[in-house]
Amino acid sequence: SIFSIYAMGWYRQAPGKQRELVAVIFSGGGTN
């Protein structure tokens, strides 16, 4: 149970590309 402590992100990596952050949800519930 870490969601109350840390923001959580979804990342993706396409072939030949670097991993990138696509979405994040903060511990307070905000998103980006």
Full PDB file with SEQRES, HELIX, SHEET, SSBOND, CRYST1, ORIGX, SCALE, CONECT and MASTER records, all heavy atoms in Angstrom:
SEQRES   1 A   32  SER ILE PHE SER ILE TYR ALA MET GLY TRP TYR ARG GLN          
SEQRES   2 A   32  ALA PRO GLY LYS GLN ARG GLU LEU VAL ALA VAL ILE PHE          
SEQRES   3 A   32  SER GLY GLY GLY THR ASN                                      
SHEET    1 AA1 2 MET A   8  ARG A  12  0                                        
SHEET    2 AA1 2 GLU A  20  ILE A  25 -1                                        
CRYST1    1.000    1.000    1.000  90.00  90.00  90.00 P 1           1          
ORIGX1      1.000000  0.000000  0.000000        0.00000                         
ORIGX2      0.000000  1.000000  0.000000        0.00000                         
ORIGX3      0.000000  0.000000  1.000000        0.00000                         
SCALE1      1.000000  0.000000  0.000000        0.00000                         
SCALE2      0.000000  1.000000  0.000000        0.00000                         
SCALE3      0.000000  0.000000  1.000000        0.00000                         
ATOM      1  N   SER A   1       0.847  -1.199   0.000  1.00  0.00           N  
ATOM      2  CA  SER A   1       0.000   0.000   0.000  1.00  0.00           C  
ATOM      3  C   SER A   1       0.879   1.243   0.000  1.00  0.00           C  
ATOM      4  O   SER A   1       1.328   1.694   1.063  1.00  0.00           O  
ATOM      5  CB  SER A   1      -0.901  -0.019   1.228  1.00  0.00           C  
ATOM      6  OG  SER A   1      -1.744  -1.150   1.212  1.00  0.00           O  
ATOM      7  N   ILE A   2       1.094   1.776  -1.180  1.00  0.00           N  
ATOM      8  CA  ILE A   2       2.001   2.919  -1.304  1.00  0.00           C  
ATOM      9  C   ILE A   2       1.325   4.145  -1.894  1.00  0.00           C  
ATOM     10  O   ILE A   2       1.940   5.191  -2.015  1.00  0.00           O  
ATOM     11  CB  ILE A   2       3.219   2.558  -2.173  1.00  0.00           C  
ATOM     12  CG1 ILE A   2       2.778   2.105  -3.573  1.00  0.00           C  
ATOM     13  CG2 ILE A   2       4.060   1.485  -1.496  1.00  0.00           C  
ATOM     14  CD1 ILE A   2       3.935   1.914  -4.546  1.00  0.00           C  
ATOM     15  N   PHE A   3       0.055   4.008  -2.312  1.00  0.00           N  
ATOM     16  CA  PHE A   3      -0.578   5.095  -3.054  1.00  0.00           C  
ATOM     17  C   PHE A   3      -0.748   6.356  -2.208  1.00  0.00           C  
ATOM     18  O   PHE A   3      -0.819   7.457  -2.750  1.00  0.00           O  
ATOM     19  CB  PHE A   3      -1.932   4.653  -3.595  1.00  0.00           C  
ATOM     20  CG  PHE A   3      -1.856   3.510  -4.571  1.00  0.00           C  
ATOM     21  CD1 PHE A   3      -3.008   2.846  -4.948  1.00  0.00           C  
ATOM     22  CD2 PHE A   3      -0.651   3.101  -5.106  1.00  0.00           C  
ATOM     23  CE1 PHE A   3      -2.956   1.780  -5.845  1.00  0.00           C  
ATOM     24  CE2 PHE A   3      -0.581   2.039  -6.003  1.00  0.00           C  
ATOM     25  CZ  PHE A   3      -1.740   1.377  -6.366  1.00  0.00           C  
ATOM     26  N   SER A   4      -0.835   6.212  -0.895  1.00  0.00           N  
ATOM     27  CA  SER A   4      -0.999   7.387  -0.043  1.00  0.00           C  
ATOM     28  C   SER A   4       0.335   8.092   0.180  1.00  0.00           C  
ATOM     29  O   SER A   4       0.362   9.211   0.717  1.00  0.00           O  
ATOM     30  CB  SER A   4      -1.604   6.991   1.299  1.00  0.00           C  
ATOM     31  OG  SER A   4      -0.739   6.105   1.972  1.00  0.00           O  
ATOM     32  N   ILE A   5       1.421   7.428  -0.234  1.00  0.00           N  
ATOM     33  CA  ILE A   5       2.760   7.980  -0.004  1.00  0.00           C  
ATOM     34  C   ILE A   5       3.339   8.557  -1.292  1.00  0.00           C  
ATOM     35  O   ILE A   5       3.920   9.638  -1.294  1.00  0.00           O  
ATOM     36  CB  ILE A   5       3.702   6.889   0.532  1.00  0.00           C  
ATOM     37  CG1 ILE A   5       3.145   6.283   1.810  1.00  0.00           C  
ATOM     38  CG2 ILE A   5       5.099   7.460   0.764  1.00  0.00           C  
ATOM     39  CD1 ILE A   5       3.910   5.071   2.293  1.00  0.00           C  
ATOM     40  N   TYR A   6       3.177   7.765  -2.382  1.00  0.00           N  
ATOM     41  CA  TYR A   6       3.824   8.119  -3.638  1.00  0.00           C  
ATOM     42  C   TYR A   6       2.816   8.371  -4.746  1.00  0.00           C  
ATOM     43  O   TYR A   6       1.750   7.750  -4.779  1.00  0.00           O  
ATOM     44  CB  TYR A   6       4.756   6.990  -4.091  1.00  0.00           C  
ATOM     45  CG  TYR A   6       5.859   6.648  -3.127  1.00  0.00           C  
ATOM     46  CD1 TYR A   6       5.925   5.389  -2.546  1.00  0.00           C  
ATOM     47  CD2 TYR A   6       6.834   7.580  -2.804  1.00  0.00           C  
ATOM     48  CE1 TYR A   6       6.931   5.066  -1.666  1.00  0.00           C  
ATOM     49  CE2 TYR A   6       7.846   7.264  -1.921  1.00  0.00           C  
ATOM     50  CZ  TYR A   6       7.890   6.010  -1.350  1.00  0.00           C  
ATOM     51  OH  TYR A   6       8.892   5.702  -0.470  1.00  0.00           O  
ATOM     52  N   ALA A   7       3.199   9.228  -5.660  1.00  0.00           N  
ATOM     53  CA  ALA A   7       2.467   9.310  -6.921  1.00  0.00           C  
ATOM     54  C   ALA A   7       2.713   8.025  -7.703  1.00  0.00           C  
ATOM     55  O   ALA A   7       3.760   7.381  -7.562  1.00  0.00           O  
ATOM     56  CB  ALA A   7       2.937  10.520  -7.727  1.00  0.00           C  
ATOM     57  N   MET A   8       1.751   7.655  -8.502  1.00  0.00           N  
ATOM     58  CA  MET A   8       1.867   6.462  -9.343  1.00  0.00           C  
ATOM     59  C   MET A   8       1.744   6.861 -10.801  1.00  0.00           C  
ATOM     60  O   MET A   8       0.897   7.689 -11.167  1.00  0.00           O  
ATOM     61  CB  MET A   8       0.771   5.449  -9.017  1.00  0.00           C  
ATOM     62  CG  MET A   8       0.966   4.759  -7.686  1.00  0.00           C  
ATOM     63  SD  MET A   8       2.487   3.774  -7.624  1.00  0.00           S  
ATOM     64  CE  MET A   8       2.232   2.620  -8.969  1.00  0.00           C  
ATOM     65  N   GLY A   9       2.573   6.256 -11.624  1.00  0.00           N  
ATOM     66  CA  GLY A   9       2.578   6.616 -13.034  1.00  0.00           C  
ATOM     67  C   GLY A   9       2.446   5.418 -13.943  1.00  0.00           C  
ATOM     68  O   GLY A   9       2.825   4.301 -13.578  1.00  0.00           O  
ATOM     69  N   TRP A  10       1.881   5.667 -15.108  1.00  0.00           N  
ATOM     70  CA  TRP A  10       1.916   4.703 -16.206  1.00  0.00           C  
ATOM     71  C   TRP A  10       2.966   5.206 -17.205  1.00  0.00           C  
ATOM     72  O   TRP A  10       2.952   6.391 -17.587  1.00  0.00           O  
ATOM     73  CB  TRP A  10       0.565   4.593 -16.895  1.00  0.00           C  
ATOM     74  CG  TRP A  10      -0.382   3.665 -16.194  1.00  0.00           C  
ATOM     75  CD1 TRP A  10      -1.396   3.999 -15.342  1.00  0.00           C  
ATOM     76  CD2 TRP A  10      -0.394   2.239 -16.290  1.00  0.00           C  
ATOM     77  NE1 TRP A  10      -2.038   2.879 -14.901  1.00  0.00           N  
ATOM     78  CE2 TRP A  10      -1.450   1.780 -15.470  1.00  0.00           C  
ATOM     79  CE3 TRP A  10       0.366   1.298 -16.989  1.00  0.00           C  
ATOM     80  CZ2 TRP A  10      -1.758   0.424 -15.330  1.00  0.00           C  
ATOM     81  CZ3 TRP A  10       0.058  -0.043 -16.853  1.00  0.00           C  
ATOM     82  CH2 TRP A  10      -0.990  -0.472 -16.029  1.00  0.00           C  
ATOM     83  N   TYR A  11       3.814   4.294 -17.586  1.00  0.00           N  
ATOM     84  CA  TYR A  11       4.882   4.591 -18.524  1.00  0.00           C  
ATOM     85  C   TYR A  11       4.722   3.662 -19.734  1.00  0.00           C  
ATOM     86  O   TYR A  11       4.088   2.619 -19.631  1.00  0.00           O  
ATOM     87  CB  TYR A  11       6.247   4.320 -17.892  1.00  0.00           C  
ATOM     88  CG  TYR A  11       6.537   5.096 -16.633  1.00  0.00           C  
ATOM     89  CD1 TYR A  11       5.969   4.712 -15.415  1.00  0.00           C  
ATOM     90  CD2 TYR A  11       7.397   6.183 -16.642  1.00  0.00           C  
ATOM     91  CE1 TYR A  11       6.246   5.409 -14.241  1.00  0.00           C  
ATOM     92  CE2 TYR A  11       7.688   6.884 -15.480  1.00  0.00           C  
ATOM     93  CZ  TYR A  11       7.108   6.484 -14.283  1.00  0.00           C  
ATOM     94  OH  TYR A  11       7.393   7.182 -13.136  1.00  0.00           O  
ATOM     95  N   ARG A  12       5.345   4.045 -20.835  1.00  0.00           N  
ATOM     96  CA  ARG A  12       5.346   3.142 -21.986  1.00  0.00           C  
ATOM     97  C   ARG A  12       6.671   3.226 -22.719  1.00  0.00           C  
ATOM     98  O   ARG A  12       7.353   4.246 -22.667  1.00  0.00           O  
ATOM     99  CB  ARG A  12       4.190   3.457 -22.946  1.00  0.00           C  
ATOM    100  CG  ARG A  12       4.308   4.791 -23.685  1.00  0.00           C  
ATOM    101  CD  ARG A  12       3.056   5.046 -24.515  1.00  0.00           C  
ATOM    102  NE  ARG A  12       3.131   6.313 -25.244  1.00  0.00           N  
ATOM    103  CZ  ARG A  12       2.120   6.842 -25.917  1.00  0.00           C  
ATOM    104  NH1 ARG A  12       0.939   6.214 -25.949  1.00  0.00           N  
ATOM    105  NH2 ARG A  12       2.279   7.989 -26.555  1.00  0.00           N  
ATOM    106  N   GLN A  13       6.998   2.129 -23.387  1.00  0.00           N  
ATOM    107  CA  GLN A  13       8.224   2.085 -24.180  1.00  0.00           C  
ATOM    108  C   GLN A  13       7.920   1.430 -25.512  1.00  0.00           C  
ATOM    109  O   GLN A  13       7.548   0.249 -25.554  1.00  0.00           O  
ATOM    110  CB  GLN A  13       9.328   1.327 -23.454  1.00  0.00           C  
ATOM    111  CG  GLN A  13      10.666   1.387 -24.159  1.00  0.00           C  
ATOM    112  CD  GLN A  13      11.805   0.918 -23.283  1.00  0.00           C  
ATOM    113  OE1 GLN A  13      11.613   0.179 -22.317  1.00  0.00           O  
ATOM    114  NE2 GLN A  13      13.014   1.340 -23.609  1.00  0.00           N  
ATOM    115  N   ALA A  14       8.075   2.203 -26.554  1.00  0.00           N  
ATOM    116  CA  ALA A  14       7.882   1.688 -27.902  1.00  0.00           C  
ATOM    117  C   ALA A  14       9.219   1.169 -28.423  1.00  0.00           C  
ATOM    118  O   ALA A  14      10.278   1.583 -27.944  1.00  0.00           O  
ATOM    119  CB  ALA A  14       7.343   2.788 -28.817  1.00  0.00           C  
ATOM    120  N   PRO A  15       9.200   0.272 -29.392  1.00  0.00           N  
ATOM    121  CA  PRO A  15      10.454  -0.272 -29.928  1.00  0.00           C  
ATOM    122  C   PRO A  15      11.390   0.830 -30.402  1.00  0.00           C  
ATOM    123  O   PRO A  15      10.986   1.732 -31.134  1.00  0.00           O  
ATOM    124  CB  PRO A  15       9.977  -1.140 -31.098  1.00  0.00           C  
ATOM    125  CG  PRO A  15       8.593  -1.517 -30.751  1.00  0.00           C  
ATOM    126  CD  PRO A  15       8.018  -0.333 -30.024  1.00  0.00           C  
ATOM    127  N   GLY A  16      12.630   0.769 -29.939  1.00  0.00           N  
ATOM    128  CA  GLY A  16      13.630   1.733 -30.358  1.00  0.00           C  
ATOM    129  C   GLY A  16      13.532   3.095 -29.701  1.00  0.00           C  
ATOM    130  O   GLY A  16      14.268   4.015 -30.066  1.00  0.00           O  
ATOM    131  N   LYS A  17      12.625   3.219 -28.748  1.00  0.00           N  
ATOM    132  CA  LYS A  17      12.447   4.515 -28.082  1.00  0.00           C  
ATOM    133  C   LYS A  17      12.660   4.379 -26.576  1.00  0.00           C  
ATOM    134  O   LYS A  17      12.595   3.281 -26.029  1.00  0.00           O  
ATOM    135  CB  LYS A  17      11.040   5.064 -28.359  1.00  0.00           C  
ATOM    136  CG  LYS A  17      10.802   5.408 -29.820  1.00  0.00           C  
ATOM    137  CD  LYS A  17       9.479   6.117 -30.002  1.00  0.00           C  
ATOM    138  CE  LYS A  17       9.258   6.545 -31.434  1.00  0.00           C  
ATOM    139  NZ  LYS A  17       7.970   7.275 -31.611  1.00  0.00           N  
ATOM    140  N   GLN A  18      12.895   5.500 -25.938  1.00  0.00           N  
ATOM    141  CA  GLN A  18      13.049   5.502 -24.492  1.00  0.00           C  
ATOM    142  C   GLN A  18      11.688   5.388 -23.801  1.00  0.00           C  
ATOM    143  O   GLN A  18      10.662   5.772 -24.364  1.00  0.00           O  
ATOM    144  CB  GLN A  18      13.749   6.795 -24.050  1.00  0.00           C  
ATOM    145  CG  GLN A  18      15.222   6.863 -24.425  1.00  0.00           C  
ATOM    146  CD  GLN A  18      15.929   8.023 -23.756  1.00  0.00           C  
ATOM    147  OE1 GLN A  18      15.308   9.021 -23.399  1.00  0.00           O  
ATOM    148  NE2 GLN A  18      17.230   7.894 -23.580  1.00  0.00           N  
ATOM    149  N   ARG A  19      11.715   4.865 -22.600  1.00  0.00           N  
ATOM    150  CA  ARG A  19      10.503   4.797 -21.803  1.00  0.00           C  
ATOM    151  C   ARG A  19      10.052   6.208 -21.471  1.00  0.00           C  
ATOM    152  O   ARG A  19      10.861   7.061 -21.118  1.00  0.00           O  
ATOM    153  CB  ARG A  19      10.770   3.997 -20.531  1.00  0.00           C  
ATOM    154  CG  ARG A  19       9.544   3.621 -19.736  1.00  0.00           C  
ATOM    155  CD  ARG A  19       9.941   2.657 -18.620  1.00  0.00           C  
ATOM    156  NE  ARG A  19      10.396   1.384 -19.171  1.00  0.00           N  
ATOM    157  CZ  ARG A  19      11.047   0.472 -18.478  1.00  0.00           C  
ATOM    158  NH1 ARG A  19      11.359   0.703 -17.212  1.00  0.00           N  
ATOM    159  NH2 ARG A  19      11.411  -0.660 -19.034  1.00  0.00           N  
ATOM    160  N   GLU A  20       8.731   6.431 -21.563  1.00  0.00           N  
ATOM    161  CA  GLU A  20       8.188   7.754 -21.279  1.00  0.00           C  
ATOM    162  C   GLU A  20       7.008   7.650 -20.322  1.00  0.00           C  
ATOM    163  O   GLU A  20       6.273   6.668 -20.323  1.00  0.00           O  
ATOM    164  CB  GLU A  20       7.738   8.439 -22.573  1.00  0.00           C  
ATOM    165  CG  GLU A  20       6.629   7.717 -23.318  1.00  0.00           C  
ATOM    166  CD  GLU A  20       6.086   8.515 -24.493  1.00  0.00           C  
ATOM    167  OE1 GLU A  20       6.353   9.731 -24.580  1.00  0.00           O  
ATOM    168  OE2 GLU A  20       5.380   7.920 -25.323  1.00  0.00           O  
ATOM    169  N   LEU A  21       6.834   8.700 -19.556  1.00  0.00           N  
ATOM    170  CA  LEU A  21       5.704   8.790 -18.635  1.00  0.00           C  
ATOM    171  C   LEU A  21       4.495   9.312 -19.415  1.00  0.00           C  
ATOM    172  O   LEU A  21       4.589  10.354 -20.064  1.00  0.00           O  
ATOM    173  CB  LEU A  21       6.042   9.729 -17.477  1.00  0.00           C  
ATOM    174  CG  LEU A  21       4.951  10.011 -16.469  1.00  0.00           C  
ATOM    175  CD1 LEU A  21       4.590   8.751 -15.693  1.00  0.00           C  
ATOM    176  CD2 LEU A  21       5.393  11.121 -15.513  1.00  0.00           C  
ATOM    177  N   VAL A  22       3.376   8.611 -19.320  1.00  0.00           N  
ATOM    178  CA  VAL A  22       2.186   9.067 -20.044  1.00  0.00           C  
ATOM    179  C   VAL A  22       1.093   9.583 -19.129  1.00  0.00           C  
ATOM    180  O   VAL A  22       0.273  10.401 -19.549  1.00  0.00           O  
ATOM    181  CB  VAL A  22       1.610   7.963 -20.958  1.00  0.00           C  
ATOM    182  CG1 VAL A  22       2.603   7.607 -22.041  1.00  0.00           C  
ATOM    183  CG2 VAL A  22       1.208   6.727 -20.192  1.00  0.00           C  
ATOM    184  N   ALA A  23       1.067   9.110 -17.895  1.00  0.00           N  
ATOM    185  CA  ALA A  23       0.027   9.569 -16.971  1.00  0.00           C  
ATOM    186  C   ALA A  23       0.511   9.378 -15.543  1.00  0.00           C  
ATOM    187  O   ALA A  23       1.221   8.412 -15.253  1.00  0.00           O  
ATOM    188  CB  ALA A  23      -1.272   8.807 -17.191  1.00  0.00           C  
ATOM    189  N   VAL A  24       0.111  10.270 -14.662  1.00  0.00           N  
ATOM    190  CA  VAL A  24       0.474  10.170 -13.267  1.00  0.00           C  
ATOM    191  C   VAL A  24      -0.726  10.565 -12.414  1.00  0.00           C  
ATOM    192  O   VAL A  24      -1.489  11.454 -12.782  1.00  0.00           O  
ATOM    193  CB  VAL A  24       1.709  11.044 -12.941  1.00  0.00           C  
ATOM    194  CG1 VAL A  24       1.429  12.508 -13.222  1.00  0.00           C  
ATOM    195  CG2 VAL A  24       2.162  10.850 -11.508  1.00  0.00           C  
ATOM    196  N   ILE A  25      -0.875   9.867 -11.292  1.00  0.00           N  
ATOM    197  CA  ILE A  25      -1.877  10.227 -10.301  1.00  0.00           C  
ATOM    198  C   ILE A  25      -1.148  10.456  -8.987  1.00  0.00           C  
ATOM    199  O   ILE A  25      -0.414   9.597  -8.502  1.00  0.00           O  
ATOM    200  CB  ILE A  25      -2.997   9.162 -10.185  1.00  0.00           C  
ATOM    201  CG1 ILE A  25      -4.071   9.616  -9.207  1.00  0.00           C  
ATOM    202  CG2 ILE A  25      -2.452   7.781  -9.835  1.00  0.00           C  
ATOM    203  CD1 ILE A  25      -5.366   8.807  -9.316  1.00  0.00           C  
ATOM    204  N   PHE A  26      -1.342  11.626  -8.419  1.00  0.00           N  
ATOM    205  CA  PHE A  26      -0.631  12.007  -7.210  1.00  0.00           C  
ATOM    206  C   PHE A  26      -1.324  11.437  -5.978  1.00  0.00           C  
ATOM    207  O   PHE A  26      -2.489  11.037  -6.035  1.00  0.00           O  
ATOM    208  CB  PHE A  26      -0.514  13.525  -7.154  1.00  0.00           C  
ATOM    209  CG  PHE A  26       0.231  14.102  -8.323  1.00  0.00           C  
ATOM    210  CD1 PHE A  26      -0.444  14.666  -9.399  1.00  0.00           C  
ATOM    211  CD2 PHE A  26       1.618  14.065  -8.371  1.00  0.00           C  
ATOM    212  CE1 PHE A  26       0.239  15.189 -10.490  1.00  0.00           C  
ATOM    213  CE2 PHE A  26       2.313  14.569  -9.453  1.00  0.00           C  
ATOM    214  CZ  PHE A  26       1.624  15.136 -10.523  1.00  0.00           C  
ATOM    215  N   SER A  27      -0.585  11.429  -4.863  1.00  0.00           N  
ATOM    216  CA  SER A  27      -1.142  10.845  -3.641  1.00  0.00           C  
ATOM    217  C   SER A  27      -2.422  11.551  -3.229  1.00  0.00           C  
ATOM    218  O   SER A  27      -3.324  10.941  -2.653  1.00  0.00           O  
ATOM    219  CB  SER A  27      -0.106  10.883  -2.516  1.00  0.00           C  
ATOM    220  OG  SER A  27       0.343  12.216  -2.308  1.00  0.00           O  
ATOM    221  N   GLY A  28      -2.553  12.815  -3.552  1.00  0.00           N  
ATOM    222  CA  GLY A  28      -3.762  13.563  -3.226  1.00  0.00           C  
ATOM    223  C   GLY A  28      -4.895  13.375  -4.210  1.00  0.00           C  
ATOM    224  O   GLY A  28      -6.011  13.858  -3.980  1.00  0.00           O  
ATOM    225  N   GLY A  29      -4.629  12.662  -5.288  1.00  0.00           N  
ATOM    226  CA  GLY A  29      -5.668  12.346  -6.265  1.00  0.00           C  
ATOM    227  C   GLY A  29      -5.610  13.141  -7.559  1.00  0.00           C  
ATOM    228  O   GLY A  29      -6.301  12.806  -8.527  1.00  0.00           O  
ATOM    229  N   GLY A  30      -4.814  14.182  -7.602  1.00  0.00           N  
ATOM    230  CA  GLY A  30      -4.672  14.930  -8.843  1.00  0.00           C  
ATOM    231  C   GLY A  30      -3.994  14.110  -9.914  1.00  0.00           C  
ATOM    232  O   GLY A  30      -3.290  13.133  -9.617  1.00  0.00           O  
ATOM    233  N   THR A  31      -4.217  14.484 -11.164  1.00  0.00           N  
ATOM    234  CA  THR A  31      -3.659  13.727 -12.284  1.00  0.00           C  
ATOM    235  C   THR A  31      -2.962  14.653 -13.267  1.00  0.00           C  
ATOM    236  O   THR A  31      -3.231  15.868 -13.309  1.00  0.00           O  
ATOM    237  CB  THR A  31      -4.747  12.936 -13.028  1.00  0.00           C  
ATOM    238  OG1 THR A  31      -5.747  13.856 -13.508  1.00  0.00           O  
ATOM    239  CG2 THR A  31      -5.408  11.916 -12.109  1.00  0.00           C  
ATOM    240  N   ASN A  32      -2.101  14.062 -14.067  1.00  0.00           N  
ATOM    241  CA  ASN A  32      -1.447  14.808 -15.129  1.00  0.00           C  
ATOM    242  C   ASN A  32      -1.153  13.840 -16.268  1.00  0.00           C  
ATOM    243  O   ASN A  32      -0.941  12.634 -16.026  1.00  0.00           O  
ATOM    244  CB  ASN A  32      -0.164  15.459 -14.628  1.00  0.00           C  
ATOM    245  CG  ASN A  32       0.236  16.644 -15.477  1.00  0.00           C  
ATOM    246  OD1 ASN A  32      -0.484  17.046 -16.388  1.00  0.00           O  
ATOM    247  ND2 ASN A  32       1.410  17.211 -15.200  1.00  0.00           N  
TER     248      ASN A  32                                                      
MASTER        0    0    0    0    2    0    0    6  247    1    0    3          
END                                                                             
